Amino acid sequence: MTRQAIKPTLGRLGLHAVLLSVGLLFMFPFIWSISTSLKPVSDLFQVTPSLIPSEYRWQNYSDVFSSVPFLRIYANTIFVTIARTIGQVLIASLAAFAFSQLKFPGRDFLFFLLLAGLMVPDQVLIVPRFIIMRQLDWFDTYQGLIIPLIFSSFGVFLLRQFFLGIPKEFYEAAKLEGANPFQIYWDIYLPLARPALAAFGFLAMLFSWNEFLWALTVTGDSNMRVLSVGIALFQGQFFTNNAILLAAANMATFPLLIAFLFFQKQLVEGIALSGLK
C-alpha cells in the first residue's frame, strides 16, 4: 500500500475512533441507568459507585407493575400518543396543503399569525386550557389529554415547506382532470410527502410521549396518568428505590429507541427535503 493510500485510511480510522468514543460517552448515562435498574437496594448506597451490580436483580422490573398501575399508565401513553400523532399529522398536512396550494383571502396573514403562534411559550396557554377543560368537564379524560394538543403550528410550517417543493404542474394537471382539492391532496400530495410526514410523525410522537406539563395539569387520577407523570409515583416521601424508578424509566424509553431505529432515515430525509437545516 502506497503512502498516499495509507493517509486517507489512517484518517478514516482516526475519525471512526473519535466518533466511537463520543458515542460511548453519550451512551454512558443510558448504560448506567440499565445497570442501576438491576441493582439490589444495598448497592444503591455504596460509598464507591460501581457500574457492575453485585447481583442482577431482574425482579426490579416486575416490581414496577406491582408498585403502581404501570400497565394502565403504559396503555394510556400508547393510546394518547397514537391519537395525538395521527391527529397532528392529518390536521397539519391539511393546513399545509391549503397554505401552499390554495388561494383564498387572507392566506398570507393567517400564515403569519400561525408563525407568530410558534413564538408563544406553551406555558402561557396552560391557564386558558385549564378553564376550558373545567367548563367542558374534561379532567381525567382521554379527550382532555388529546384534543388540546392535537394541532401543531410547527407541523404546518414543516409540511408547507415540503409541499412548496412539489411542482405546481401536479396540482394543475389534476385540476384539469376534474379532481377537487381534497382528491389532489389525498391522492397526489400525501403519497409524495411520505418522507416529510414520517419525519413530522416521529417528532410528534416523541413530543407526545415525553409531554409532561399538560398531562400533569389535566389528570389527577393515577389510572388516567401517562408515563411522563406516572413515573413520579415511584418517588416516596422518605425513601425512593432508584432501581425500581430507573427500571420504569427504561421501559418508558425503549419504545422511543425502537421507533427511532425504524424512522431515522425518514427523519433525516424529511427534514432535509423540507428545506430545514
C-alpha atoms as a PDB file:
ATOM      1  CA  MET A   1       0.000   0.000   0.000  1.00  0.00           C
ATOM      2  CA  THR A   2       1.432   3.377  -1.021  1.00  0.00           C
ATOM      3  CA  ARG A   3       1.927   6.296   1.319  1.00  0.00           C
ATOM      4  CA  GLN A   4      -0.827   8.244  -0.479  1.00  0.00           C
ATOM      5  CA  ALA A   5      -3.296   5.411   0.202  1.00  0.00           C
ATOM      6  CA  ILE A   6      -2.246   4.957   3.833  1.00  0.00           C
ATOM      7  CA  LYS A   7      -3.001   8.567   4.863  1.00  0.00           C
ATOM      8  CA  PRO A   8      -6.730   8.527   3.940  1.00  0.00           C
ATOM      9  CA  THR A   9      -7.109   5.130   5.603  1.00  0.00           C
ATOM     10  CA  LEU A  10      -5.492   6.332   8.834  1.00  0.00           C
ATOM     11  CA  GLY A  11      -7.652   9.456   8.708  1.00  0.00           C
ATOM     12  CA  ARG A  12     -10.839   7.396   8.432  1.00  0.00           C
ATOM     13  CA  LEU A  13      -9.729   5.103  11.251  1.00  0.00           C
ATOM     14  CA  GLY A  14      -8.970   8.100  13.455  1.00  0.00           C
ATOM     15  CA  LEU A  15     -12.333   9.675  12.638  1.00  0.00           C
ATOM     16  CA  HIS A  16     -14.196   6.449  13.447  1.00  0.00           C
ATOM     17  CA  ALA A  17     -12.244   6.104  16.717  1.00  0.00           C
ATOM     18  CA  VAL A  18     -13.244   9.644  17.734  1.00  0.00           C
ATOM     19  CA  LEU A  19     -16.896   9.111  16.752  1.00  0.00           C
ATOM     20  CA  LEU A  20     -16.997   5.785  18.622  1.00  0.00           C
ATOM     21  CA  SER A  21     -15.543   7.415  21.737  1.00  0.00           C
ATOM     22  CA  VAL A  22     -18.051  10.261  21.599  1.00  0.00           C
ATOM     23  CA  GLY A  23     -20.875   7.755  21.014  1.00  0.00           C
ATOM     24  CA  LEU A  24     -19.846   5.724  24.063  1.00  0.00           C
ATOM     25  CA  LEU A  25     -19.634   8.931  26.098  1.00  0.00           C
ATOM     26  CA  PHE A  26     -23.229   9.824  25.212  1.00  0.00           C
ATOM     27  CA  MET A  27     -24.348   6.225  25.766  1.00  0.00           C
ATOM     28  CA  PHE A  28     -22.832   6.050  29.263  1.00  0.00           C
ATOM     29  CA  PRO A  29     -25.835   7.608  31.121  1.00  0.00           C
ATOM     30  CA  PHE A  30     -28.160   5.095  29.465  1.00  0.00           C
ATOM     31  CA  ILE A  31     -25.782   2.222  30.299  1.00  0.00           C
ATOM     32  CA  TRP A  32     -25.602   3.449  33.914  1.00  0.00           C
ATOM     33  CA  SER A  33     -29.401   3.618  34.043  1.00  0.00           C
ATOM     34  CA  ILE A  34     -29.722  -0.002  32.912  1.00  0.00           C
ATOM     35  CA  SER A  35     -27.029  -1.097  35.367  1.00  0.00           C
ATOM     36  CA  THR A  36     -28.676   0.713  38.301  1.00  0.00           C
ATOM     37  CA  SER A  37     -32.091  -0.726  37.451  1.00  0.00           C
ATOM     38  CA  LEU A  38     -30.654  -4.228  38.014  1.00  0.00           C
ATOM     39  CA  LYS A  39     -29.004  -3.489  41.367  1.00  0.00           C
ATOM     40  CA  PRO A  40     -30.248  -4.584  44.794  1.00  0.00           C
ATOM     41  CA  VAL A  41     -31.006  -1.878  47.345  1.00  0.00           C
ATOM     42  CA  SER A  42     -27.676  -2.429  49.149  1.00  0.00           C
ATOM     43  CA  ASP A  43     -25.740  -1.407  46.014  1.00  0.00           C
ATOM     44  CA  LEU A  44     -27.569   1.905  45.782  1.00  0.00           C
ATOM     45  CA  PHE A  45     -25.924   3.221  48.970  1.00  0.00           C
ATOM     46  CA  GLN A  46     -22.344   2.167  48.351  1.00  0.00           C
ATOM     47  CA  VAL A  47     -19.737   4.827  49.027  1.00  0.00           C
ATOM     48  CA  THR A  48     -17.900   3.905  45.828  1.00  0.00           C
ATOM     49  CA  PRO A  49     -20.314   3.626  42.878  1.00  0.00           C
ATOM     50  CA  SER A  50     -19.970   0.531  40.732  1.00  0.00           C
ATOM     51  CA  LEU A  51     -21.170   0.002  37.200  1.00  0.00           C
ATOM     52  CA  ILE A  52     -21.481  -3.760  37.662  1.00  0.00           C
ATOM     53  CA  PRO A  53     -24.184  -4.853  40.159  1.00  0.00           C
ATOM     54  CA  SER A  54     -23.156  -7.210  42.940  1.00  0.00           C
ATOM     55  CA  GLU A  55     -26.116  -9.333  41.801  1.00  0.00           C
ATOM     56  CA  TYR A  56     -28.548  -8.907  38.958  1.00  0.00           C
ATOM     57  CA  ARG A  57     -31.995  -8.309  40.412  1.00  0.00           C
ATOM     58  CA  TRP A  58     -34.383  -8.746  37.473  1.00  0.00           C
ATOM     59  CA  GLN A  59     -37.255  -8.624  39.940  1.00  0.00           C
ATOM     60  CA  ASN A  60     -36.967  -4.810  39.910  1.00  0.00           C
ATOM     61  CA  TYR A  61     -38.738  -4.807  36.555  1.00  0.00           C
ATOM     62  CA  SER A  62     -41.598  -6.958  37.813  1.00  0.00           C
ATOM     63  CA  ASP A  63     -41.851  -4.798  40.958  1.00  0.00           C
ATOM     64  CA  VAL A  64     -42.648  -1.848  38.701  1.00  0.00           C
ATOM     65  CA  PHE A  65     -46.016  -3.403  37.852  1.00  0.00           C
ATOM     66  CA  SER A  66     -46.847  -4.295  41.449  1.00  0.00           C
ATOM     67  CA  SER A  67     -45.999  -0.861  42.874  1.00  0.00           C
ATOM     68  CA  VAL A  68     -48.340   1.282  40.726  1.00  0.00           C
ATOM     69  CA  PRO A  69     -50.893   0.620  37.925  1.00  0.00           C
ATOM     70  CA  PHE A  70     -47.998   0.765  35.458  1.00  0.00           C
ATOM     71  CA  LEU A  71     -49.664  -1.330  32.766  1.00  0.00           C
ATOM     72  CA  ARG A  72     -52.664   1.031  32.682  1.00  0.00           C
ATOM     73  CA  ILE A  73     -50.338   4.054  32.608  1.00  0.00           C
ATOM     74  CA  TYR A  74     -48.386   2.479  29.747  1.00  0.00           C
ATOM     75  CA  ALA A  75     -51.584   1.771  27.808  1.00  0.00           C
ATOM     76  CA  ASN A  76     -52.761   5.355  28.386  1.00  0.00           C
ATOM     77  CA  THR A  77     -49.492   6.683  26.992  1.00  0.00           C
ATOM     78  CA  ILE A  78     -49.657   4.497  23.884  1.00  0.00           C
ATOM     79  CA  PHE A  79     -53.274   5.442  23.154  1.00  0.00           C
ATOM     80  CA  VAL A  80     -52.778   9.174  23.745  1.00  0.00           C
ATOM     81  CA  THR A  81     -49.555   9.228  21.701  1.00  0.00           C
ATOM     82  CA  ILE A  82     -51.103   7.423  18.731  1.00  0.00           C
ATOM     83  CA  ALA A  83     -54.203   9.655  18.778  1.00  0.00           C
ATOM     84  CA  ARG A  84     -52.194  12.867  19.043  1.00  0.00           C
ATOM     85  CA  THR A  85     -49.736  11.801  16.338  1.00  0.00           C
ATOM     86  CA  ILE A  86     -52.427  10.821  13.839  1.00  0.00           C
ATOM     87  CA  GLY A  87     -54.414  13.971  14.598  1.00  0.00           C
ATOM     88  CA  GLN A  88     -51.410  16.272  14.307  1.00  0.00           C
ATOM     89  CA  VAL A  89     -50.222  14.710  11.032  1.00  0.00           C
ATOM     90  CA  LEU A  90     -53.699  14.850   9.477  1.00  0.00           C
ATOM     91  CA  ILE A  91     -54.573  18.389  10.571  1.00  0.00           C
ATOM     92  CA  ALA A  92     -51.107  19.796   9.875  1.00  0.00           C
ATOM     93  CA  SER A  93     -50.965  18.247   6.396  1.00  0.00           C
ATOM     94  CA  LEU A  94     -54.420  19.610   5.516  1.00  0.00           C
ATOM     95  CA  ALA A  95     -53.471  23.102   6.700  1.00  0.00           C
ATOM     96  CA  ALA A  96     -50.090  22.927   4.977  1.00  0.00           C
ATOM     97  CA  PHE A  97     -51.721  21.931   1.688  1.00  0.00           C
ATOM     98  CA  ALA A  98     -54.151  24.846   1.949  1.00  0.00           C
ATOM     99  CA  PHE A  99     -51.416  27.376   2.738  1.00  0.00           C
ATOM    100  CA  SER A 100     -49.122  26.117  -0.037  1.00  0.00           C
ATOM    101  CA  GLN A 101     -51.500  25.304  -2.905  1.00  0.00           C
ATOM    102  CA  LEU A 102     -54.842  27.045  -2.433  1.00  0.00           C
ATOM    103  CA  LYS A 103     -55.554  30.729  -2.904  1.00  0.00           C
ATOM    104  CA  PHE A 104     -58.039  32.382  -0.545  1.00  0.00           C
ATOM    105  CA  PRO A 105     -58.414  35.838   1.042  1.00  0.00           C
ATOM    106  CA  GLY A 106     -56.131  36.434   3.997  1.00  0.00           C
ATOM    107  CA  ARG A 107     -53.968  33.376   3.371  1.00  0.00           C
ATOM    108  CA  ASP A 108     -50.634  35.107   3.960  1.00  0.00           C
ATOM    109  CA  PHE A 109     -51.933  36.972   7.010  1.00  0.00           C
ATOM    110  CA  LEU A 110     -53.243  33.747   8.562  1.00  0.00           C
ATOM    111  CA  PHE A 111     -49.919  32.059   7.918  1.00  0.00           C
ATOM    112  CA  PHE A 112     -48.169  34.988   9.593  1.00  0.00           C
ATOM    113  CA  LEU A 113     -50.398  34.512  12.644  1.00  0.00           C
ATOM    114  CA  LEU A 114     -49.534  30.812  12.584  1.00  0.00           C
ATOM    115  CA  LEU A 115     -45.816  31.598  12.645  1.00  0.00           C
ATOM    116  CA  ALA A 116     -46.386  34.124  15.418  1.00  0.00           C
ATOM    117  CA  GLY A 117     -48.009  31.349  17.438  1.00  0.00           C
ATOM    118  CA  LEU A 118     -44.702  29.454  17.362  1.00  0.00           C
ATOM    119  CA  MET A 119     -43.187  32.232  19.472  1.00  0.00           C
ATOM    120  CA  VAL A 120     -45.764  31.849  22.264  1.00  0.00           C
ATOM    121  CA  PRO A 121     -44.482  29.595  25.089  1.00  0.00           C
ATOM    122  CA  ASP A 122     -46.728  26.654  25.791  1.00  0.00           C
ATOM    123  CA  GLN A 123     -46.826  27.584  29.479  1.00  0.00           C
ATOM    124  CA  VAL A 124     -48.792  30.742  28.607  1.00  0.00           C
ATOM    125  CA  LEU A 125     -51.681  28.614  27.326  1.00  0.00           C
ATOM    126  CA  ILE A 126     -51.992  26.449  30.433  1.00  0.00           C
ATOM    127  CA  VAL A 127     -54.491  28.701  32.252  1.00  0.00           C
ATOM    128  CA  PRO A 128     -56.867  29.216  29.270  1.00  0.00           C
ATOM    129  CA  ARG A 129     -56.778  25.491  28.516  1.00  0.00           C
ATOM    130  CA  PHE A 130     -57.417  24.705  32.178  1.00  0.00           C
ATOM    131  CA  ILE A 131     -60.519  26.953  32.223  1.00  0.00           C
ATOM    132  CA  ILE A 132     -61.859  25.370  29.028  1.00  0.00           C
ATOM    133  CA  MET A 133     -61.301  21.843  30.375  1.00  0.00           C
ATOM    134  CA  ARG A 134     -63.136  22.760  33.580  1.00  0.00           C
ATOM    135  CA  GLN A 135     -66.098  24.121  31.638  1.00  0.00           C
ATOM    136  CA  LEU A 136     -66.218  21.010  29.432  1.00  0.00           C
ATOM    137  CA  ASP A 137     -65.665  18.680  32.413  1.00  0.00           C
ATOM    138  CA  TRP A 138     -62.763  17.009  30.602  1.00  0.00           C
ATOM    139  CA  PHE A 139     -60.466  16.453  33.573  1.00  0.00           C
ATOM    140  CA  ASP A 140     -59.185  12.869  33.836  1.00  0.00           C
ATOM    141  CA  THR A 141     -60.460  12.030  30.338  1.00  0.00           C
ATOM    142  CA  TYR A 142     -58.747  10.980  27.130  1.00  0.00           C
ATOM    143  CA  GLN A 143     -60.246  13.874  25.186  1.00  0.00           C
ATOM    144  CA  GLY A 144     -58.779  16.275  27.725  1.00  0.00           C
ATOM    145  CA  LEU A 145     -55.340  14.776  27.164  1.00  0.00           C
ATOM    146  CA  ILE A 146     -55.579  14.588  23.372  1.00  0.00           C
ATOM    147  CA  ILE A 147     -57.638  17.412  21.851  1.00  0.00           C
ATOM    148  CA  PRO A 148     -55.881  20.498  23.328  1.00  0.00           C
ATOM    149  CA  LEU A 149     -52.551  19.289  21.871  1.00  0.00           C
ATOM    150  CA  ILE A 150     -53.821  17.895  18.576  1.00  0.00           C
ATOM    151  CA  PHE A 151     -52.731  20.899  16.477  1.00  0.00           C
ATOM    152  CA  SER A 152     -49.091  21.718  15.702  1.00  0.00           C
ATOM    153  CA  SER A 153     -48.007  25.039  14.181  1.00  0.00           C
ATOM    154  CA  PHE A 154     -44.539  23.628  13.637  1.00  0.00           C
ATOM    155  CA  GLY A 155     -46.002  20.704  11.695  1.00  0.00           C
ATOM    156  CA  VAL A 156     -47.919  23.062   9.400  1.00  0.00           C
ATOM    157  CA  PHE A 157     -44.745  25.042   8.710  1.00  0.00           C
ATOM    158  CA  LEU A 158     -42.642  21.912   8.115  1.00  0.00           C
ATOM    159  CA  LEU A 159     -45.112  20.275   5.725  1.00  0.00           C
ATOM    160  CA  ARG A 160     -45.840  23.551   3.930  1.00  0.00           C
ATOM    161  CA  GLN A 161     -42.149  23.851   3.102  1.00  0.00           C
ATOM    162  CA  PHE A 162     -42.242  20.368   1.613  1.00  0.00           C
ATOM    163  CA  PHE A 163     -45.432  20.965  -0.375  1.00  0.00           C
ATOM    164  CA  LEU A 164     -43.950  24.134  -1.862  1.00  0.00           C
ATOM    165  CA  GLY A 165     -41.166  21.995  -3.310  1.00  0.00           C
ATOM    166  CA  ILE A 166     -43.634  19.839  -5.272  1.00  0.00           C
ATOM    167  CA  PRO A 167     -44.018  21.139  -8.855  1.00  0.00           C
ATOM    168  CA  LYS A 168     -47.173  23.175  -9.357  1.00  0.00           C
ATOM    169  CA  GLU A 169     -47.843  21.213 -12.543  1.00  0.00           C
ATOM    170  CA  PHE A 170     -49.096  18.256 -10.475  1.00  0.00           C
ATOM    171  CA  TYR A 171     -51.873  20.384  -8.990  1.00  0.00           C
ATOM    172  CA  GLU A 172     -52.778  21.982 -12.320  1.00  0.00           C
ATOM    173  CA  ALA A 173     -52.838  18.683 -14.226  1.00  0.00           C
ATOM    174  CA  ALA A 174     -55.059  17.040 -11.598  1.00  0.00           C
ATOM    175  CA  LYS A 175     -57.371  20.049 -11.610  1.00  0.00           C
ATOM    176  CA  LEU A 176     -57.718  19.800 -15.395  1.00  0.00           C
ATOM    177  CA  GLU A 177     -58.726  16.158 -14.966  1.00  0.00           C
ATOM    178  CA  GLY A 178     -61.610  17.255 -12.757  1.00  0.00           C
ATOM    179  CA  ALA A 179     -60.167  16.392  -9.333  1.00  0.00           C
ATOM    180  CA  ASN A 180     -61.278  18.550  -6.421  1.00  0.00           C
ATOM    181  CA  PRO A 181     -58.716  19.967  -3.937  1.00  0.00           C
ATOM    182  CA  PHE A 182     -59.249  17.201  -1.382  1.00  0.00           C
ATOM    183  CA  GLN A 183     -58.701  14.493  -4.010  1.00  0.00           C
ATOM    184  CA  ILE A 184     -55.500  16.216  -5.119  1.00  0.00           C
ATOM    185  CA  TYR A 185     -54.336  16.413  -1.502  1.00  0.00           C
ATOM    186  CA  TRP A 186     -55.199  12.792  -0.702  1.00  0.00           C
ATOM    187  CA  ASP A 187     -54.191  11.027  -3.934  1.00  0.00           C
ATOM    188  CA  ILE A 188     -51.194  13.086  -5.070  1.00  0.00           C
ATOM    189  CA  TYR A 189     -49.640  15.265  -2.379  1.00  0.00           C
ATOM    190  CA  LEU A 190     -49.830  12.871   0.572  1.00  0.00           C
ATOM    191  CA  PRO A 191     -48.050   9.987  -1.260  1.00  0.00           C
ATOM    192  CA  LEU A 192     -45.350  12.399  -2.443  1.00  0.00           C
ATOM    193  CA  ALA A 193     -44.904  13.774   1.082  1.00  0.00           C
ATOM    194  CA  ARG A 194     -44.227  10.459   2.818  1.00  0.00           C
ATOM    195  CA  PRO A 195     -40.671  11.407   3.946  1.00  0.00           C
ATOM    196  CA  ALA A 196     -41.880  14.679   5.476  1.00  0.00           C
ATOM    197  CA  LEU A 197     -44.934  13.013   7.023  1.00  0.00           C
ATOM    198  CA  ALA A 198     -42.750  10.300   8.558  1.00  0.00           C
ATOM    199  CA  ALA A 199     -40.334  12.891   9.942  1.00  0.00           C
ATOM    200  CA  PHE A 200     -43.068  15.030  11.450  1.00  0.00           C
ATOM    201  CA  GLY A 201     -44.931  11.960  12.694  1.00  0.00           C
ATOM    202  CA  PHE A 202     -41.848  10.811  14.600  1.00  0.00           C
ATOM    203  CA  LEU A 203     -41.289  14.271  16.084  1.00  0.00           C
ATOM    204  CA  ALA A 204     -44.956  14.468  17.090  1.00  0.00           C
ATOM    205  CA  MET A 205     -44.765  11.032  18.677  1.00  0.00           C
ATOM    206  CA  LEU A 206     -41.589  11.990  20.554  1.00  0.00           C
ATOM    207  CA  PHE A 207     -43.169  15.182  21.880  1.00  0.00           C
ATOM    208  CA  SER A 208     -46.393  13.448  22.895  1.00  0.00           C
ATOM    209  CA  TRP A 209     -44.613  10.563  24.614  1.00  0.00           C
ATOM    210  CA  ASN A 210     -42.491  12.932  26.733  1.00  0.00           C
ATOM    211  CA  GLU A 211     -45.081  15.695  27.275  1.00  0.00           C
ATOM    212  CA  PHE A 212     -45.347  16.407  30.983  1.00  0.00           C
ATOM    213  CA  LEU A 213     -46.844  19.791  31.866  1.00  0.00           C
ATOM    214  CA  TRP A 214     -50.297  19.409  30.321  1.00  0.00           C
ATOM    215  CA  ALA A 215     -50.619  15.777  31.430  1.00  0.00           C
ATOM    216  CA  LEU A 216     -49.826  16.850  34.991  1.00  0.00           C
ATOM    217  CA  THR A 217     -52.379  19.676  34.792  1.00  0.00           C
ATOM    218  CA  VAL A 218     -55.338  17.785  33.367  1.00  0.00           C
ATOM    219  CA  THR A 219     -55.035  14.466  35.257  1.00  0.00           C
ATOM    220  CA  GLY A 220     -55.266  13.667  38.939  1.00  0.00           C
ATOM    221  CA  ASP A 221     -56.402  10.048  38.911  1.00  0.00           C
ATOM    222  CA  SER A 222     -53.444   7.640  38.735  1.00  0.00           C
ATOM    223  CA  ASN A 223     -55.426   5.425  36.331  1.00  0.00           C
ATOM    224  CA  MET A 224     -55.545   8.272  33.787  1.00  0.00           C
ATOM    225  CA  ARG A 225     -51.940   9.364  34.002  1.00  0.00           C
ATOM    226  CA  VAL A 226     -49.300   8.861  31.331  1.00  0.00           C
ATOM    227  CA  LEU A 227     -45.703   7.729  31.736  1.00  0.00           C
ATOM    228  CA  SER A 228     -44.150  11.186  31.984  1.00  0.00           C
ATOM    229  CA  VAL A 229     -46.291  11.866  35.067  1.00  0.00           C
ATOM    230  CA  GLY A 230     -46.800   8.317  36.312  1.00  0.00           C
ATOM    231  CA  ILE A 231     -43.094   7.667  36.872  1.00  0.00           C
ATOM    232  CA  ALA A 232     -43.221  10.264  39.648  1.00  0.00           C
ATOM    233  CA  LEU A 233     -45.445   7.821  41.563  1.00  0.00           C
ATOM    234  CA  PHE A 234     -42.333   5.737  42.277  1.00  0.00           C
ATOM    235  CA  GLN A 235     -40.869   8.534  44.397  1.00  0.00           C
ATOM    236  CA  GLY A 236     -41.622   8.071  48.070  1.00  0.00           C
ATOM    237  CA  GLN A 237     -41.887  10.748  50.720  1.00  0.00           C
ATOM    238  CA  PHE A 238     -38.979   9.453  52.787  1.00  0.00           C
ATOM    239  CA  PHE A 239     -37.321   6.818  50.584  1.00  0.00           C
ATOM    240  CA  THR A 240     -37.149   6.166  46.852  1.00  0.00           C
ATOM    241  CA  ASN A 241     -35.930   2.888  45.409  1.00  0.00           C
ATOM    242  CA  ASN A 242     -33.956   4.284  42.479  1.00  0.00           C
ATOM    243  CA  ALA A 243     -33.506   0.823  40.985  1.00  0.00           C
ATOM    244  CA  ILE A 244     -37.263   0.396  40.505  1.00  0.00           C
ATOM    245  CA  LEU A 245     -37.594   4.039  39.417  1.00  0.00           C
ATOM    246  CA  LEU A 246     -34.964   3.595  36.707  1.00  0.00           C
ATOM    247  CA  ALA A 247     -36.474   0.259  35.669  1.00  0.00           C
ATOM    248  CA  ALA A 248     -39.743   2.090  34.979  1.00  0.00           C
ATOM    249  CA  ALA A 249     -37.883   4.898  33.180  1.00  0.00           C
ATOM    250  CA  ASN A 250     -36.037   2.381  30.985  1.00  0.00           C
ATOM    251  CA  MET A 251     -39.253   0.640  29.998  1.00  0.00           C
ATOM    252  CA  ALA A 252     -40.683   4.047  29.108  1.00  0.00           C
ATOM    253  CA  THR A 253     -37.645   4.789  26.919  1.00  0.00           C
ATOM    254  CA  PHE A 254     -37.360   1.528  24.947  1.00  0.00           C
ATOM    255  CA  PRO A 255     -40.311   2.208  22.557  1.00  0.00           C
ATOM    256  CA  LEU A 256     -38.765   5.532  21.502  1.00  0.00           C
ATOM    257  CA  LEU A 257     -35.429   3.885  20.759  1.00  0.00           C
ATOM    258  CA  ILE A 258     -37.120   1.217  18.657  1.00  0.00           C
ATOM    259  CA  ALA A 259     -39.167   3.833  16.790  1.00  0.00           C
ATOM    260  CA  PHE A 260     -36.046   5.877  16.091  1.00  0.00           C
ATOM    261  CA  LEU A 261     -34.300   2.847  14.593  1.00  0.00           C
ATOM    262  CA  PHE A 262     -37.188   2.461  12.144  1.00  0.00           C
ATOM    263  CA  PHE A 263     -37.692   6.156  11.349  1.00  0.00           C
ATOM    264  CA  GLN A 264     -34.160   7.606  11.433  1.00  0.00           C
ATOM    265  CA  LYS A 265     -33.778   7.515   7.635  1.00  0.00           C
ATOM    266  CA  GLN A 266     -37.178   9.151   7.028  1.00  0.00           C
ATOM    267  CA  LEU A 267     -36.477  11.682   9.807  1.00  0.00           C
ATOM    268  CA  VAL A 268     -33.243  12.905   8.220  1.00  0.00           C
ATOM    269  CA  GLU A 269     -34.621  12.778   4.679  1.00  0.00           C
ATOM    270  CA  GLY A 270     -37.871  14.544   5.558  1.00  0.00           C
ATOM    271  CA  ILE A 271     -36.186  17.441   7.350  1.00  0.00           C
ATOM    272  CA  ALA A 272     -33.565  17.806   4.604  1.00  0.00           C
ATOM    273  CA  LEU A 273     -36.154  17.834   1.829  1.00  0.00           C
ATOM    274  CA  SER A 274     -38.283  20.358   3.723  1.00  0.00           C
ATOM    275  CA  GLY A 275     -35.567  22.989   3.431  1.00  0.00           C
ATOM    276  CA  LEU A 276     -34.586  22.955   7.122  1.00  0.00           C
ATOM    277  CA  LYS A 277     -31.030  22.541   8.377  1.00  0.00           C
END
